[in-house]
Amino acid sequence: MDYFPEVVQVIPYSDYSVDVYFHDGKIVRYDMRGIIKEGEEKQNVFARLKDIGVFEKTCNVMNGTLAWDIAGNRDESRCIDIDPLMLHELPMAKERIAVDVS
């Protein structure tokens, strides 16, 4: 494989989705609801993201991909991260620059 995607920005939303921006200009929207629900059922690491405050406040870019800095100290070995190749394969998303709230 000649290309390895790198995440440069993430924007989390209160519906448990995240806009993921790649260095090649691609933007995808990743819906975390399913993986968080599965995390609760299996009592795995993703269950910690059910708290929307934790989900939104710890979401960032680490290791060149979408991650949650659960420890709060930028320790790349203690984050929850998502495979950037899988994220890059998601369909393009429309950027949510402005939202009509009327």
PDB file of N, CA and C in Angstrom:
ATOM      1  N   MET A   1       0.846  -1.178   0.000  1.00  0.00           N
ATOM      2  CA  MET A   1       0.000   0.000   0.000  1.00  0.00           C
ATOM      3  C   MET A   1       0.892   1.242   0.000  1.00  0.00           C
ATOM      4  N   ASP A   2       0.631   2.132  -0.932  1.00  0.00           N
ATOM      5  CA  ASP A   2       1.424   3.343  -1.055  1.00  0.00           C
ATOM      6  C   ASP A   2       0.940   4.466  -0.153  1.00  0.00           C
ATOM      7  N   TYR A   3      -0.321   4.452   0.203  1.00  0.00           N
ATOM      8  CA  TYR A   3      -0.899   5.558   0.963  1.00  0.00           C
ATOM      9  C   TYR A   3      -1.302   5.095   2.349  1.00  0.00           C
ATOM     10  N   PHE A   4      -0.889   5.842   3.354  1.00  0.00           N
ATOM     11  CA  PHE A   4      -1.348   5.583   4.715  1.00  0.00           C
ATOM     12  C   PHE A   4      -2.031   6.851   5.203  1.00  0.00           C
ATOM     13  N   PRO A   5      -3.343   6.796   5.461  1.00  0.00           N
ATOM     14  CA  PRO A   5      -4.081   8.002   5.835  1.00  0.00           C
ATOM     15  C   PRO A   5      -3.667   8.524   7.213  1.00  0.00           C
ATOM     16  N   GLU A   6      -3.656   9.839   7.321  1.00  0.00           N
ATOM     17  CA  GLU A   6      -3.346  10.486   8.591  1.00  0.00           C
ATOM     18  C   GLU A   6      -4.452  11.476   8.938  1.00  0.00           C
ATOM     19  N   VAL A   7      -5.001  11.331  10.121  1.00  0.00           N
ATOM     20  CA  VAL A   7      -6.045  12.227  10.603  1.00  0.00           C
ATOM     21  C   VAL A   7      -5.384  13.507  11.103  1.00  0.00           C
ATOM     22  N   VAL A   8      -5.945  14.653  10.706  1.00  0.00           N
ATOM     23  CA  VAL A   8      -5.387  15.933  11.136  1.00  0.00           C
ATOM     24  C   VAL A   8      -6.320  16.718  12.048  1.00  0.00           C
ATOM     25  N   GLN A   9      -7.614  16.386  12.030  1.00  0.00           N
ATOM     26  CA  GLN A   9      -8.572  17.089  12.883  1.00  0.00           C
ATOM     27  C   GLN A   9      -9.785  16.207  13.109  1.00  0.00           C
ATOM     28  N   VAL A  10     -10.385  16.333  14.293  1.00  0.00           N
ATOM     29  CA  VAL A  10     -11.633  15.641  14.597  1.00  0.00           C
ATOM     30  C   VAL A  10     -12.569  16.607  15.301  1.00  0.00           C
ATOM     31  N   ILE A  11     -13.856  16.459  15.032  1.00  0.00           N
ATOM     32  CA  ILE A  11     -14.871  17.272  15.699  1.00  0.00           C
ATOM     33  C   ILE A  11     -15.966  16.336  16.195  1.00  0.00           C
ATOM     34  N   PRO A  12     -16.082  16.162  17.528  1.00  0.00           N
ATOM     35  CA  PRO A  12     -17.118  15.285  18.079  1.00  0.00           C
ATOM     36  C   PRO A  12     -18.449  16.030  18.231  1.00  0.00           C
ATOM     37  N   TYR A  13     -19.538  15.273  18.182  1.00  0.00           N
ATOM     38  CA  TYR A  13     -20.882  15.837  18.337  1.00  0.00           C
ATOM     39  C   TYR A  13     -21.654  15.079  19.406  1.00  0.00           C
ATOM     40  N   SER A  14     -22.682  15.710  19.919  1.00  0.00           N
ATOM     41  CA  SER A  14     -23.454  15.136  21.023  1.00  0.00           C
ATOM     42  C   SER A  14     -24.300  13.933  20.619  1.00  0.00           C
ATOM     43  N   ASP A  15     -24.335  13.588  19.330  1.00  0.00           N
ATOM     44  CA  ASP A  15     -25.047  12.388  18.889  1.00  0.00           C
ATOM     45  C   ASP A  15     -24.090  11.200  18.753  1.00  0.00           C
ATOM     46  N   TYR A  16     -22.902  11.314  19.345  1.00  0.00           N
ATOM     47  CA  TYR A  16     -21.861  10.275  19.314  1.00  0.00           C
ATOM     48  C   TYR A  16     -21.285  10.045  17.920  1.00  0.00           C
ATOM     49  N   SER A  17     -21.313  11.076  17.104  1.00  0.00           N
ATOM     50  CA  SER A  17     -20.630  10.991  15.817  1.00  0.00           C
ATOM     51  C   SER A  17     -19.431  11.928  15.854  1.00  0.00           C
ATOM     52  N   VAL A  18     -18.507  11.692  14.938  1.00  0.00           N
ATOM     53  CA  VAL A  18     -17.286  12.499  14.864  1.00  0.00           C
ATOM     54  C   VAL A  18     -16.980  12.770  13.397  1.00  0.00           C
ATOM     55  N   ASP A  19     -16.752  14.033  13.082  1.00  0.00           N
ATOM     56  CA  ASP A  19     -16.229  14.361  11.760  1.00  0.00           C
ATOM     57  C   ASP A  19     -14.726  14.178  11.819  1.00  0.00           C
ATOM     58  N   VAL A  20     -14.193  13.430  10.862  1.00  0.00           N
ATOM     59  CA  VAL A  20     -12.773  13.101  10.828  1.00  0.00           C
ATOM     60  C   VAL A  20     -12.181  13.673   9.544  1.00  0.00           C
ATOM     61  N   TYR A  21     -11.173  14.534   9.697  1.00  0.00           N
ATOM     62  CA  TYR A  21     -10.521  15.202   8.579  1.00  0.00           C
ATOM     63  C   TYR A  21      -9.147  14.571   8.345  1.00  0.00           C
ATOM     64  N   PHE A  22      -8.887  14.190   7.097  1.00  0.00           N
ATOM     65  CA  PHE A  22      -7.618  13.569   6.731  1.00  0.00           C
ATOM     66  C   PHE A  22      -6.709  14.557   6.007  1.00  0.00           C
ATOM     67  N   HIS A  23      -5.424  14.290   6.018  1.00  0.00           N
ATOM     68  CA  HIS A  23      -4.455  15.202   5.398  1.00  0.00           C
ATOM     69  C   HIS A  23      -4.587  15.257   3.873  1.00  0.00           C
ATOM     70  N   ASP A  24      -5.282  14.303   3.275  1.00  0.00           N
ATOM     71  CA  ASP A  24      -5.493  14.349   1.824  1.00  0.00           C
ATOM     72  C   ASP A  24      -6.772  15.112   1.454  1.00  0.00           C
ATOM     73  N   GLY A  25      -7.448  15.699   2.455  1.00  0.00           N
ATOM     74  CA  GLY A  25      -8.647  16.494   2.209  1.00  0.00           C
ATOM     75  C   GLY A  25      -9.951  15.742   2.404  1.00  0.00           C
ATOM     76  N   LYS A  26      -9.904  14.449   2.541  1.00  0.00           N
ATOM     77  CA  LYS A  26     -11.127  13.664   2.727  1.00  0.00           C
ATOM     78  C   LYS A  26     -11.701  13.920   4.117  1.00  0.00           C
ATOM     79  N   ILE A  27     -13.023  13.987   4.188  1.00  0.00           N
ATOM     80  CA  ILE A  27     -13.739  14.147   5.458  1.00  0.00           C
ATOM     81  C   ILE A  27     -14.749  13.018   5.548  1.00  0.00           C
ATOM     82  N   VAL A  28     -14.758  12.317   6.675  1.00  0.00           N
ATOM     83  CA  VAL A  28     -15.747  11.268   6.905  1.00  0.00           C
ATOM     84  C   VAL A  28     -16.453  11.543   8.227  1.00  0.00           C
ATOM     85  N   ARG A  29     -17.623  10.987   8.351  1.00  0.00           N
ATOM     86  CA  ARG A  29     -18.363  11.059   9.612  1.00  0.00           C
ATOM     87  C   ARG A  29     -18.428   9.650  10.177  1.00  0.00           C
ATOM     88  N   TYR A  30     -17.933   9.483  11.402  1.00  0.00           N
ATOM     89  CA  TYR A  30     -17.918   8.174  12.047  1.00  0.00           C
ATOM     90  C   TYR A  30     -18.938   8.170  13.167  1.00  0.00           C
ATOM     91  N   ASP A  31     -19.906   7.270  13.079  1.00  0.00           N
ATOM     92  CA  ASP A  31     -20.963   7.130  14.079  1.00  0.00           C
ATOM     93  C   ASP A  31     -20.519   6.092  15.104  1.00  0.00           C
ATOM     94  N   MET A  32     -20.310   6.518  16.323  1.00  0.00           N
ATOM     95  CA  MET A  32     -19.801   5.654  17.389  1.00  0.00           C
ATOM     96  C   MET A  32     -20.897   4.957  18.198  1.00  0.00           C
ATOM     97  N   ARG A  33     -22.174   5.235  17.919  1.00  0.00           N
ATOM     98  CA  ARG A  33     -23.254   4.676  18.755  1.00  0.00           C
ATOM     99  C   ARG A  33     -23.196   3.155  18.842  1.00  0.00           C
ATOM    100  N   GLY A  34     -22.982   2.481  17.735  1.00  0.00           N
ATOM    101  CA  GLY A  34     -22.947   1.018  17.728  1.00  0.00           C
ATOM    102  C   GLY A  34     -21.795   0.458  18.533  1.00  0.00           C
ATOM    103  N   ILE A  35     -20.623   1.007  18.365  1.00  0.00           N
ATOM    104  CA  ILE A  35     -19.454   0.493  19.074  1.00  0.00           C
ATOM    105  C   ILE A  35     -19.532   0.800  20.575  1.00  0.00           C
ATOM    106  N   ILE A  36     -20.151   1.921  20.933  1.00  0.00           N
ATOM    107  CA  ILE A  36     -20.320   2.232  22.357  1.00  0.00           C
ATOM    108  C   ILE A  36     -21.334   1.280  22.981  1.00  0.00           C
ATOM    109  N   LYS A  37     -22.436   1.008  22.263  1.00  0.00           N
ATOM    110  CA  LYS A  37     -23.436   0.070  22.773  1.00  0.00           C
ATOM    111  C   LYS A  37     -22.817  -1.325  22.939  1.00  0.00           C
ATOM    112  N   GLU A  38     -22.044  -1.750  21.952  1.00  0.00           N
ATOM    113  CA  GLU A  38     -21.370  -3.044  22.031  1.00  0.00           C
ATOM    114  C   GLU A  38     -20.387  -3.058  23.211  1.00  0.00           C
ATOM    115  N   GLY A  39     -19.734  -1.930  23.441  1.00  0.00           N
ATOM    116  CA  GLY A  39     -18.806  -1.819  24.563  1.00  0.00           C
ATOM    117  C   GLY A  39     -19.505  -2.004  25.895  1.00  0.00           C
ATOM    118  N   GLU A  40     -20.716  -1.462  26.004  1.00  0.00           N
ATOM    119  CA  GLU A  40     -21.494  -1.639  27.232  1.00  0.00           C
ATOM    120  C   GLU A  40     -21.862  -3.106  27.431  1.00  0.00           C
ATOM    121  N   GLU A  41     -22.321  -3.735  26.354  1.00  0.00           N
ATOM    122  CA  GLU A  41     -22.754  -5.133  26.440  1.00  0.00           C
ATOM    123  C   GLU A  41     -21.603  -6.068  26.783  1.00  0.00           C
ATOM    124  N   LYS A  42     -20.441  -5.801  26.193  1.00  0.00           N
ATOM    125  CA  LYS A  42     -19.284  -6.668  26.414  1.00  0.00           C
ATOM    126  C   LYS A  42     -18.374  -6.152  27.524  1.00  0.00           C
ATOM    127  N   GLN A  43     -18.755  -5.019  28.100  1.00  0.00           N
ATOM    128  CA  GLN A  43     -17.980  -4.379  29.166  1.00  0.00           C
ATOM    129  C   GLN A  43     -16.533  -4.182  28.745  1.00  0.00           C
ATOM    130  N   ASN A  44     -16.348  -3.607  27.551  1.00  0.00           N
ATOM    131  CA  ASN A  44     -14.994  -3.338  27.085  1.00  0.00           C
ATOM    132  C   ASN A  44     -14.685  -1.847  27.167  1.00  0.00           C
ATOM    133  N   VAL A  45     -13.543  -1.453  26.658  1.00  0.00           N
ATOM    134  CA  VAL A  45     -13.033  -0.099  26.806  1.00  0.00           C
ATOM    135  C   VAL A  45     -13.964   0.968  26.214  1.00  0.00           C
ATOM    136  N   PHE A  46     -14.707   0.645  25.178  1.00  0.00           N
ATOM    137  CA  PHE A  46     -15.578   1.633  24.543  1.00  0.00           C
ATOM    138  C   PHE A  46     -16.763   2.034  25.419  1.00  0.00           C
ATOM    139  N   ALA A  47     -17.080   1.245  26.437  1.00  0.00           N
ATOM    140  CA  ALA A  47     -18.162   1.592  27.358  1.00  0.00           C
ATOM    141  C   ALA A  47     -17.865   2.906  28.068  1.00  0.00           C
ATOM    142  N   ARG A  48     -16.601   3.241  28.240  1.00  0.00           N
ATOM    143  CA  ARG A  48     -16.226   4.486  28.916  1.00  0.00           C
ATOM    144  C   ARG A  48     -16.664   5.718  28.142  1.00  0.00           C
ATOM    145  N   LEU A  49     -16.937   5.568  26.857  1.00  0.00           N
ATOM    146  CA  LEU A  49     -17.319   6.706  26.024  1.00  0.00           C
ATOM    147  C   LEU A  49     -18.806   7.001  26.066  1.00  0.00           C
ATOM    148  N   LYS A  50     -19.577   6.206  26.800  1.00  0.00           N
ATOM    149  CA  LYS A  50     -21.025   6.445  26.877  1.00  0.00           C
ATOM    150  C   LYS A  50     -21.330   7.798  27.517  1.00  0.00           C
ATOM    151  N   ASP A  51     -20.528   8.200  28.473  1.00  0.00           N
ATOM    152  CA  ASP A  51     -20.681   9.516  29.091  1.00  0.00           C
ATOM    153  C   ASP A  51     -20.352  10.560  28.018  1.00  0.00           C
ATOM    154  N   ILE A  52     -21.359  11.316  27.579  1.00  0.00           N
ATOM    155  CA  ILE A  52     -21.173  12.253  26.471  1.00  0.00           C
ATOM    156  C   ILE A  52     -20.106  13.297  26.789  1.00  0.00           C
ATOM    157  N   GLY A  53     -19.957  13.649  28.047  1.00  0.00           N
ATOM    158  CA  GLY A  53     -18.900  14.585  28.440  1.00  0.00           C
ATOM    159  C   GLY A  53     -17.527  14.013  28.171  1.00  0.00           C
ATOM    160  N   VAL A  54     -17.320  12.755  28.529  1.00  0.00           N
ATOM    161  CA  VAL A  54     -16.050  12.074  28.261  1.00  0.00           C
ATOM    162  C   VAL A  54     -15.854  11.954  26.757  1.00  0.00           C
ATOM    163  N   PHE A  55     -16.902  11.561  26.046  1.00  0.00           N
ATOM    164  CA  PHE A  55     -16.826  11.395  24.596  1.00  0.00           C
ATOM    165  C   PHE A  55     -16.363  12.675  23.915  1.00  0.00           C
ATOM    166  N   GLU A  56     -16.991  13.791  24.261  1.00  0.00           N
ATOM    167  CA  GLU A  56     -16.684  15.056  23.587  1.00  0.00           C
ATOM    168  C   GLU A  56     -15.383  15.698  24.082  1.00  0.00           C
ATOM    169  N   LYS A  57     -15.143  15.667  25.373  1.00  0.00           N
ATOM    170  CA  LYS A  57     -13.994  16.390  25.934  1.00  0.00           C
ATOM    171  C   LYS A  57     -12.660  15.686  25.711  1.00  0.00           C
ATOM    172  N   THR A  58     -12.658  14.370  25.572  1.00  0.00           N
ATOM    173  CA  THR A  58     -11.391  13.656  25.412  1.00  0.00           C
ATOM    174  C   THR A  58     -11.101  13.283  23.959  1.00  0.00           C
ATOM    175  N   CYS A  59     -12.017  13.577  23.052  1.00  0.00           N
ATOM    176  CA  CYS A  59     -11.851  13.255  21.634  1.00  0.00           C
ATOM    177  C   CYS A  59     -10.817  14.183  21.013  1.00  0.00           C
ATOM    178  N   ASN A  60      -9.805  13.590  20.362  1.00  0.00           N
ATOM    179  CA  ASN A  60      -8.779  14.386  19.705  1.00  0.00           C
ATOM    180  C   ASN A  60      -7.997  13.521  18.718  1.00  0.00           C
ATOM    181  N   VAL A  61      -6.913  14.066  18.208  1.00  0.00           N
ATOM    182  CA  VAL A  61      -6.035  13.336  17.296  1.00  0.00           C
ATOM    183  C   VAL A  61      -4.805  12.887  18.080  1.00  0.00           C
ATOM    184  N   MET A  62      -4.563  11.591  18.086  1.00  0.00           N
ATOM    185  CA  MET A  62      -3.359  11.013  18.681  1.00  0.00           C
ATOM    186  C   MET A  62      -2.926   9.871  17.772  1.00  0.00           C
ATOM    187  N   ASN A  63      -1.654   9.635  17.671  1.00  0.00           N
ATOM    188  CA  ASN A  63      -1.131   8.556  16.819  1.00  0.00           C
ATOM    189  C   ASN A  63      -1.564   8.722  15.368  1.00  0.00           C
ATOM    190  N   GLY A  64      -1.895   9.939  14.943  1.00  0.00           N
ATOM    191  CA  GLY A  64      -2.325  10.172  13.567  1.00  0.00           C
ATOM    192  C   GLY A  64      -3.709   9.669  13.255  1.00  0.00           C
ATOM    193  N   THR A  65      -4.528   9.487  14.293  1.00  0.00           N
ATOM    194  CA  THR A  65      -5.883   8.992  14.067  1.00  0.00           C
ATOM    195  C   THR A  65      -6.840   9.543  15.123  1.00  0.00           C
ATOM    196  N   LEU A  66      -8.124   9.233  14.955  1.00  0.00           N
ATOM    197  CA  LEU A  66      -9.163   9.579  15.918  1.00  0.00           C
ATOM    198  C   LEU A  66      -8.907   8.828  17.210  1.00  0.00           C
ATOM    199  N   ALA A  67      -8.879   9.560  18.327  1.00  0.00           N
ATOM    200  CA  ALA A  67      -8.593   8.925  19.610  1.00  0.00           C
ATOM    201  C   ALA A  67      -9.292   9.664  20.741  1.00  0.00           C
ATOM    202  N   TRP A  68      -9.390   8.972  21.863  1.00  0.00           N
ATOM    203  CA  TRP A  68      -9.918   9.570  23.093  1.00  0.00           C
ATOM    204  C   TRP A  68      -8.828   9.464  24.148  1.00  0.00           C
ATOM    205  N   ASP A  69      -8.424  10.614  24.661  1.00  0.00           N
ATOM    206  CA  ASP A  69      -7.358  10.702  25.660  1.00  0.00           C
ATOM    207  C   ASP A  69      -7.973  10.505  27.048  1.00  0.00           C
ATOM    208  N   ILE A  70      -8.333   9.277  27.351  1.00  0.00           N
ATOM    209  CA  ILE A  70      -9.027   8.942  28.591  1.00  0.00           C
ATOM    210  C   ILE A  70      -8.195   9.306  29.820  1.00  0.00           C
ATOM    211  N   ALA A  71      -6.895   9.085  29.777  1.00  0.00           N
ATOM    212  CA  ALA A  71      -6.030   9.387  30.919  1.00  0.00           C
ATOM    213  C   ALA A  71      -5.847  10.894  31.103  1.00  0.00           C
ATOM    214  N   GLY A  72      -6.049  11.669  30.031  1.00  0.00           N
ATOM    215  CA  GLY A  72      -5.949  13.118  30.121  1.00  0.00           C
ATOM    216  C   GLY A  72      -4.525  13.647  30.158  1.00  0.00           C
ATOM    217  N   ASN A  73      -3.561  12.828  29.773  1.00  0.00           N
ATOM    218  CA  ASN A  73      -2.172  13.275  29.833  1.00  0.00           C
ATOM    219  C   ASN A  73      -1.418  13.081  28.515  1.00  0.00           C
ATOM    220  N   ARG A  74      -2.157  12.918  27.420  1.00  0.00           N
ATOM    221  CA  ARG A  74      -1.585  12.732  26.082  1.00  0.00           C
ATOM    222  C   ARG A  74      -0.671  11.514  25.989  1.00  0.00           C
ATOM    223  N   ASP A  75      -0.908  10.523  26.835  1.00  0.00           N
ATOM    224  CA  ASP A  75      -0.146   9.277  26.797  1.00  0.00           C
ATOM    225  C   ASP A  75      -0.734   8.414  25.690  1.00  0.00           C
ATOM    226  N   GLU A  76      -0.006   8.301  24.576  1.00  0.00           N
ATOM    227  CA  GLU A  76      -0.510   7.578  23.409  1.00  0.00           C
ATOM    228  C   GLU A  76      -0.735   6.100  23.673  1.00  0.00           C
ATOM    229  N   SER A  77      -0.121   5.573  24.714  1.00  0.00           N
ATOM    230  CA  SER A  77      -0.314   4.158  25.039  1.00  0.00           C
ATOM    231  C   SER A  77      -1.555   3.927  25.892  1.00  0.00           C
ATOM    232  N   ARG A  78      -2.182   5.005  26.361  1.00  0.00           N
ATOM    233  CA  ARG A  78      -3.356   4.858  27.227  1.00  0.00           C
ATOM    234  C   ARG A  78      -4.606   5.499  26.619  1.00  0.00           C
ATOM    235  N   CYS A  79      -4.605   5.654  25.316  1.00  0.00           N
ATOM    236  CA  CYS A  79      -5.772   6.234  24.654  1.00  0.00           C
ATOM    237  C   CYS A  79      -6.611   5.133  24.010  1.00  0.00           C
ATOM    238  N   ILE A  80      -7.824   5.496  23.640  1.00  0.00           N
ATOM    239  CA  ILE A  80      -8.683   4.623  22.838  1.00  0.00           C
ATOM    240  C   ILE A  80      -8.616   5.190  21.426  1.00  0.00           C
ATOM    241  N   ASP A  81      -8.139   4.419  20.464  1.00  0.00           N
ATOM    242  CA  ASP A  81      -8.049   4.954  19.116  1.00  0.00           C
ATOM    243  C   ASP A  81      -8.686   4.011  18.096  1.00  0.00           C
ATOM    244  N   ILE A  82      -8.965   4.577  16.933  1.00  0.00           N
ATOM    245  CA  ILE A  82      -9.642   3.868  15.848  1.00  0.00           C
ATOM    246  C   ILE A  82      -8.684   3.774  14.661  1.00  0.00           C
ATOM    247  N   ASP A  83      -8.666   2.643  14.008  1.00  0.00           N
ATOM    248  CA  ASP A  83      -7.794   2.402  12.863  1.00  0.00           C
ATOM    249  C   ASP A  83      -8.043   3.450  11.768  1.00  0.00           C
ATOM    250  N   PRO A  84      -7.011   4.231  11.393  1.00  0.00           N
ATOM    251  CA  PRO A  84      -7.215   5.255  10.376  1.00  0.00           C
ATOM    252  C   PRO A  84      -7.537   4.682   8.996  1.00  0.00           C
ATOM    253  N   LEU A  85      -7.053   3.479   8.689  1.00  0.00           N
ATOM    254  CA  LEU A  85      -7.390   2.864   7.402  1.00  0.00           C
ATOM    255  C   LEU A  85      -8.884   2.580   7.313  1.00  0.00           C
ATOM    256  N   MET A  86      -9.459   2.064   8.388  1.00  0.00           N
ATOM    257  CA  MET A  86     -10.900   1.788   8.409  1.00  0.00           C
ATOM    258  C   MET A  86     -11.682   3.091   8.268  1.00  0.00           C
ATOM    259  N   LEU A  87     -11.256   4.126   8.983  1.00  0.00           N
ATOM    260  CA  LEU A  87     -11.948   5.414   8.904  1.00  0.00           C
ATOM    261  C   LEU A  87     -11.880   5.996   7.493  1.00  0.00           C
ATOM    262  N   HIS A  88     -10.717   5.896   6.864  1.00  0.00           N
ATOM    263  CA  HIS A  88     -10.539   6.475   5.538  1.00  0.00           C
ATOM    264  C   HIS A  88     -11.393   5.765   4.492  1.00  0.00           C
ATOM    265  N   GLU A  89     -11.737   4.513   4.721  1.00  0.00           N
ATOM    266  CA  GLU A  89     -12.570   3.770   3.779  1.00  0.00           C
ATOM    267  C   GLU A  89     -14.048   4.142   3.864  1.00  0.00           C
ATOM    268  N   LEU A  90     -14.456   4.881   4.898  1.00  0.00           N
ATOM    269  CA  LEU A  90     -15.847   5.322   5.009  1.00  0.00           C
ATOM    270  C   LEU A  90     -16.156   6.296   3.877  1.00  0.00           C
ATOM    271  N   PRO A  91     -17.442   6.398   3.506  1.00  0.00           N
ATOM    272  CA  PRO A  91     -17.787   7.338   2.430  1.00  0.00           C
ATOM    273  C   PRO A  91     -17.558   8.786   2.850  1.00  0.00           C
ATOM    274  N   MET A  92     -17.301   9.633   1.857  1.00  0.00           N
ATOM    275  CA  MET A  92     -17.126  11.065   2.105  1.00  0.00           C
ATOM    276  C   MET A  92     -18.344  11.613   2.831  1.00  0.00           C
ATOM    277  N   ALA A  93     -18.112  12.582   3.698  1.00  0.00           N
ATOM    278  CA  ALA A  93     -19.199  13.237   4.430  1.00  0.00           C
ATOM    279  C   ALA A  93     -19.247  14.705   4.044  1.00  0.00           C
ATOM    280  N   LYS A  94     -20.420  15.288   4.195  1.00  0.00           N
ATOM    281  CA  LYS A  94     -20.538  16.722   3.998  1.00  0.00           C
ATOM    282  C   LYS A  94     -20.149  17.388   5.305  1.00  0.00           C
ATOM    283  N   GLU A  95     -19.302  18.378   5.196  1.00  0.00           N
ATOM    284  CA  GLU A  95     -18.841  19.094   6.374  1.00  0.00           C
ATOM    285  C   GLU A  95     -19.994  19.884   6.987  1.00  0.00           C
ATOM    286  N   ARG A  96     -20.066  19.879   8.318  1.00  0.00           N
ATOM    287  CA  ARG A  96     -21.122  20.617   9.023  1.00  0.00           C
ATOM    288  C   ARG A  96     -20.597  21.996   9.385  1.00  0.00           C
ATOM    289  N   ILE A  97     -20.429  22.831   8.395  1.00  0.00           N
ATOM    290  CA  ILE A  97     -19.919  24.168   8.662  1.00  0.00           C
ATOM    291  C   ILE A  97     -20.982  25.038   9.306  1.00  0.00           C
ATOM    292  N   ALA A  98     -22.181  24.968   8.811  1.00  0.00           N
ATOM    293  CA  ALA A  98     -23.284  25.755   9.362  1.00  0.00           C
ATOM    294  C   ALA A  98     -24.504  24.852   9.489  1.00  0.00           C
ATOM    295  N   VAL A  99     -25.225  25.043  10.554  1.00  0.00           N
ATOM    296  CA  VAL A  99     -26.422  24.238  10.796  1.00  0.00           C
ATOM    297  C   VAL A  99     -27.597  25.167  10.918  1.00  0.00           C
ATOM    298  N   ASP A 100     -28.668  24.874  10.194  1.00  0.00           N
ATOM    299  CA  ASP A 100     -29.898  25.673  10.271  1.00  0.00           C
ATOM    300  C   ASP A 100     -30.682  25.191  11.491  1.00  0.00           C
ATOM    301  N   VAL A 101     -30.818  26.050  12.480  1.00  0.00           N
ATOM    302  CA  VAL A 101     -31.525  25.693  13.713  1.00  0.00           C
ATOM    303  C   VAL A 101     -32.930  26.242  13.773  1.00  0.00           C
ATOM    304  N   SER A 102     -33.407  26.785  12.666  1.00  0.00           N
ATOM    305  CA  SER A 102     -34.771  27.351  12.674  1.00  0.00           C
ATOM    306  C   SER A 102     -35.831  26.307  12.559  1.00  0.00           C
TER     307      SER A 102
END
